[in-house]
C-alpha atoms as a PDB file:
ATOM      1  CA  MET A   1     -12.120 -15.438 -10.390  1.00  0.00           C
ATOM      2  CA  ALA A   2     -14.298 -15.762 -13.496  1.00  0.00           C
ATOM      3  CA  TYR A   3     -15.774 -19.032 -12.269  1.00  0.00           C
ATOM      4  CA  TYR A   4     -16.791 -17.683  -8.857  1.00  0.00           C
ATOM      5  CA  SER A   5     -17.988 -14.310 -10.130  1.00  0.00           C
ATOM      6  CA  HIS A   6     -19.877 -15.835 -13.089  1.00  0.00           C
ATOM      7  CA  TRP A   7     -18.078 -13.497 -15.473  1.00  0.00           C
ATOM      8  CA  SER A   8     -16.834 -14.725 -18.807  1.00  0.00           C
ATOM      9  CA  TYR A   9     -13.142 -14.760 -19.593  1.00  0.00           C
ATOM     10  CA  ASN A  10     -13.725 -12.015 -22.179  1.00  0.00           C
ATOM     11  CA  GLU A  11     -15.544  -9.804 -19.666  1.00  0.00           C
ATOM     12  CA  ILE A  12     -12.590  -9.995 -17.314  1.00  0.00           C
ATOM     13  CA  MET A  13      -9.941  -9.542 -19.991  1.00  0.00           C
ATOM     14  CA  ASN A  14     -11.781  -6.560 -21.492  1.00  0.00           C
ATOM     15  CA  MET A  15     -11.644  -4.672 -18.186  1.00  0.00           C
ATOM     16  CA  GLU A  16      -9.072  -1.924 -17.809  1.00  0.00           C
ATOM     17  CA  HIS A  17      -5.994  -3.269 -16.040  1.00  0.00           C
ATOM     18  CA  SER A  18      -6.578  -1.135 -12.946  1.00  0.00           C
ATOM     19  CA  GLU A  19     -10.209  -2.295 -12.735  1.00  0.00           C
ATOM     20  CA  ARG A  20      -9.212  -5.958 -13.131  1.00  0.00           C
ATOM     21  CA  ARG A  21      -6.519  -5.559 -10.435  1.00  0.00           C
ATOM     22  CA  LYS A  22      -9.068  -3.962  -8.089  1.00  0.00           C
ATOM     23  CA  TRP A  23     -11.418  -6.939  -8.513  1.00  0.00           C
ATOM     24  CA  CYS A  24      -8.548  -9.417  -8.072  1.00  0.00           C
ATOM     25  CA  GLU A  25      -7.501  -7.713  -4.841  1.00  0.00           C
ATOM     26  CA  GLU A  26     -11.107  -7.687  -3.581  1.00  0.00           C
ATOM     27  CA  PHE A  27     -11.535 -11.350  -4.500  1.00  0.00           C
ATOM     28  CA  SER A  28      -8.239 -12.185  -2.769  1.00  0.00           C
ATOM     29  CA  LYS A  29      -9.289 -10.381   0.436  1.00  0.00           C
ATOM     30  CA  THR A  30     -12.635 -12.140   0.552  1.00  0.00           C
ATOM     31  CA  ALA A  31     -11.106 -15.550  -0.135  1.00  0.00           C
ATOM     32  CA  SER A  32      -8.451 -15.007   2.546  1.00  0.00           C
ATOM     33  CA  GLN A  33     -11.116 -14.030   5.076  1.00  0.00           C
ATOM     34  CA  LEU A  34     -12.876 -17.293   4.263  1.00  0.00           C
ATOM     35  CA  GLY A  35      -9.640 -19.265   4.671  1.00  0.00           C
ATOM     36  CA  VAL A  36      -9.394 -20.128   0.976  1.00  0.00           C
ATOM     37  CA  HIS A  37      -5.914 -20.340  -0.567  1.00  0.00           C
ATOM     38  CA  VAL A  38      -5.629 -17.710  -3.276  1.00  0.00           C
ATOM     39  CA  GLY A  39      -3.455 -18.055  -6.351  1.00  0.00           C
ATOM     40  CA  LEU A  40      -3.390 -16.382  -9.737  1.00  0.00           C
ATOM     41  CA  GLY A  41      -3.093 -19.251 -12.134  1.00  0.00           C
ATOM     42  CA  LEU A  42       0.541 -19.936 -11.387  1.00  0.00           C
ATOM     43  CA  GLY A  43       0.074 -19.892  -7.631  1.00  0.00           C
ATOM     44  CA  THR A  44       1.276 -16.346  -7.031  1.00  0.00           C
ATOM     45  CA  SER A  45      -0.443 -13.912  -4.705  1.00  0.00           C
ATOM     46  CA  VAL A  46      -2.091 -10.663  -5.718  1.00  0.00           C
ATOM     47  CA  GLU A  47       0.620  -8.785  -3.799  1.00  0.00           C
ATOM     48  CA  LEU A  48       3.422 -10.579  -5.651  1.00  0.00           C
ATOM     49  CA  ASP A  49       1.651 -10.096  -8.966  1.00  0.00           C
ATOM     50  CA  LYS A  50       1.369  -6.371  -8.252  1.00  0.00           C
ATOM     51  CA  TRP A  51       5.108  -5.932  -7.594  1.00  0.00           C
ATOM     52  CA  TYR A  52       6.111  -8.064 -10.581  1.00  0.00           C
ATOM     53  CA  SER A  53       3.726  -6.279 -12.971  1.00  0.00           C
ATOM     54  CA  LEU A  54       4.826  -2.851 -11.771  1.00  0.00           C
ATOM     55  CA  GLY A  55       8.497  -3.838 -12.042  1.00  0.00           C
ATOM     56  CA  CYS A  56       8.001  -4.990 -15.620  1.00  0.00           C
ATOM     57  CA  TYR A  57       6.066  -1.819 -16.449  1.00  0.00           C
ATOM     58  CA  TYR A  58       8.764   0.476 -15.035  1.00  0.00           C
ATOM     59  CA  LYS A  59      11.492  -1.483 -16.809  1.00  0.00           C
ATOM     60  CA  PHE A  60       9.540  -1.199 -20.075  1.00  0.00           C
ATOM     61  CA  ILE A  61       9.205   2.596 -19.820  1.00  0.00           C
ATOM     62  CA  GLY A  62      12.873   2.933 -18.848  1.00  0.00           C
ATOM     63  CA  ASP A  63      12.462   3.823 -15.168  1.00  0.00           C
ATOM     64  CA  VAL A  64      14.958   1.174 -14.078  1.00  0.00           C
ATOM     65  CA  SER A  65      15.382   2.593 -10.575  1.00  0.00           C
ATOM     66  CA  GLU A  66      11.651   2.212  -9.882  1.00  0.00           C
ATOM     67  CA  ALA A  67      11.673  -1.251 -11.490  1.00  0.00           C
ATOM     68  CA  LEU A  68      14.460  -2.315  -9.113  1.00  0.00           C
ATOM     69  CA  SER A  69      12.418  -1.055  -6.168  1.00  0.00           C
ATOM     70  CA  CYS A  70       9.399  -3.106  -7.247  1.00  0.00           C
ATOM     71  CA  PHE A  71      11.435  -6.262  -7.816  1.00  0.00           C
ATOM     72  CA  ASP A  72      13.056  -5.774  -4.398  1.00  0.00           C
ATOM     73  CA  LYS A  73       9.604  -5.589  -2.786  1.00  0.00           C
ATOM     74  CA  TYR A  74       8.659  -8.814  -4.559  1.00  0.00           C
ATOM     75  CA  LEU A  75      11.844 -10.509  -3.359  1.00  0.00           C
ATOM     76  CA  ASP A  76      11.212  -9.340   0.208  1.00  0.00           C
ATOM     77  CA  ILE A  77       8.122 -11.581   0.110  1.00  0.00           C
ATOM     78  CA  ASP A  78       9.458 -14.423  -2.066  1.00  0.00           C
ATOM     79  CA  PRO A  79      13.282 -14.320  -2.156  1.00  0.00           C
ATOM     80  CA  HIS A  80      13.650 -17.530  -4.195  1.00  0.00           C
ATOM     81  CA  ASN A  81      11.806 -16.679  -7.429  1.00  0.00           C
ATOM     82  CA  GLU A  82      14.448 -17.184 -10.120  1.00  0.00           C
ATOM     83  CA  GLY A  83      12.491 -15.256 -12.763  1.00  0.00           C
ATOM     84  CA  VAL A  84      12.272 -12.152 -10.587  1.00  0.00           C
ATOM     85  CA  ILE A  85      15.916 -12.513  -9.536  1.00  0.00           C
ATOM     86  CA  THR A  86      16.854 -12.561 -13.234  1.00  0.00           C
ATOM     87  CA  MET A  87      14.714  -9.480 -13.961  1.00  0.00           C
ATOM     88  CA  ARG A  88      16.329  -7.670 -11.030  1.00  0.00           C
ATOM     89  CA  LYS A  89      19.827  -8.563 -12.263  1.00  0.00           C
ATOM     90  CA  SER A  90      18.896  -7.265 -15.712  1.00  0.00           C
ATOM     91  CA  CYS A  91      17.751  -3.942 -14.223  1.00  0.00           C
ATOM     92  CA  ALA A  92      20.875  -3.683 -12.066  1.00  0.00           C
ATOM     93  CA  ALA A  93      23.005  -4.204 -15.170  1.00  0.00           C
ATOM     94  CA  MET A  94      21.042  -1.515 -16.995  1.00  0.00           C
ATOM     95  CA  MET A  95      21.622   0.861 -14.065  1.00  0.00           C
ATOM     96  CA  GLY A  96      25.343   0.119 -14.209  1.00  0.00           C
ATOM     97  CA  GLU A  97      25.416   0.852 -17.930  1.00  0.00           C
ATOM     98  CA  ALA A  98      23.506   4.103 -17.427  1.00  0.00           C
ATOM     99  CA  GLN A  99      25.922   5.203 -14.696  1.00  0.00           C
ATOM    100  CA  GLN A 100      28.932   4.454 -16.927  1.00  0.00           C
ATOM    101  CA  SER A 101      27.580   6.635 -19.757  1.00  0.00           C
END
């Protein structure tokens, strides 16, 4: 995104997360309309990145139920991502522990 927008890496990284996500989504839409394959460094889509980031955020703040929901939405799109499957299993285990308490 920095290359095509002529922004420096620091300009992009200094944006608020929500602002950076907005620009990534806009860039993704435009690229898709032009028939350009869009990836975020590791070849993930903006949609997948959104669900993974939100899942990690909710897990971090302790809202494991919401984290599970986000990871499930990710896996609906890409059911074979081992990293997300592992994160989901971790959240499910945390839910089980919370229910046993």
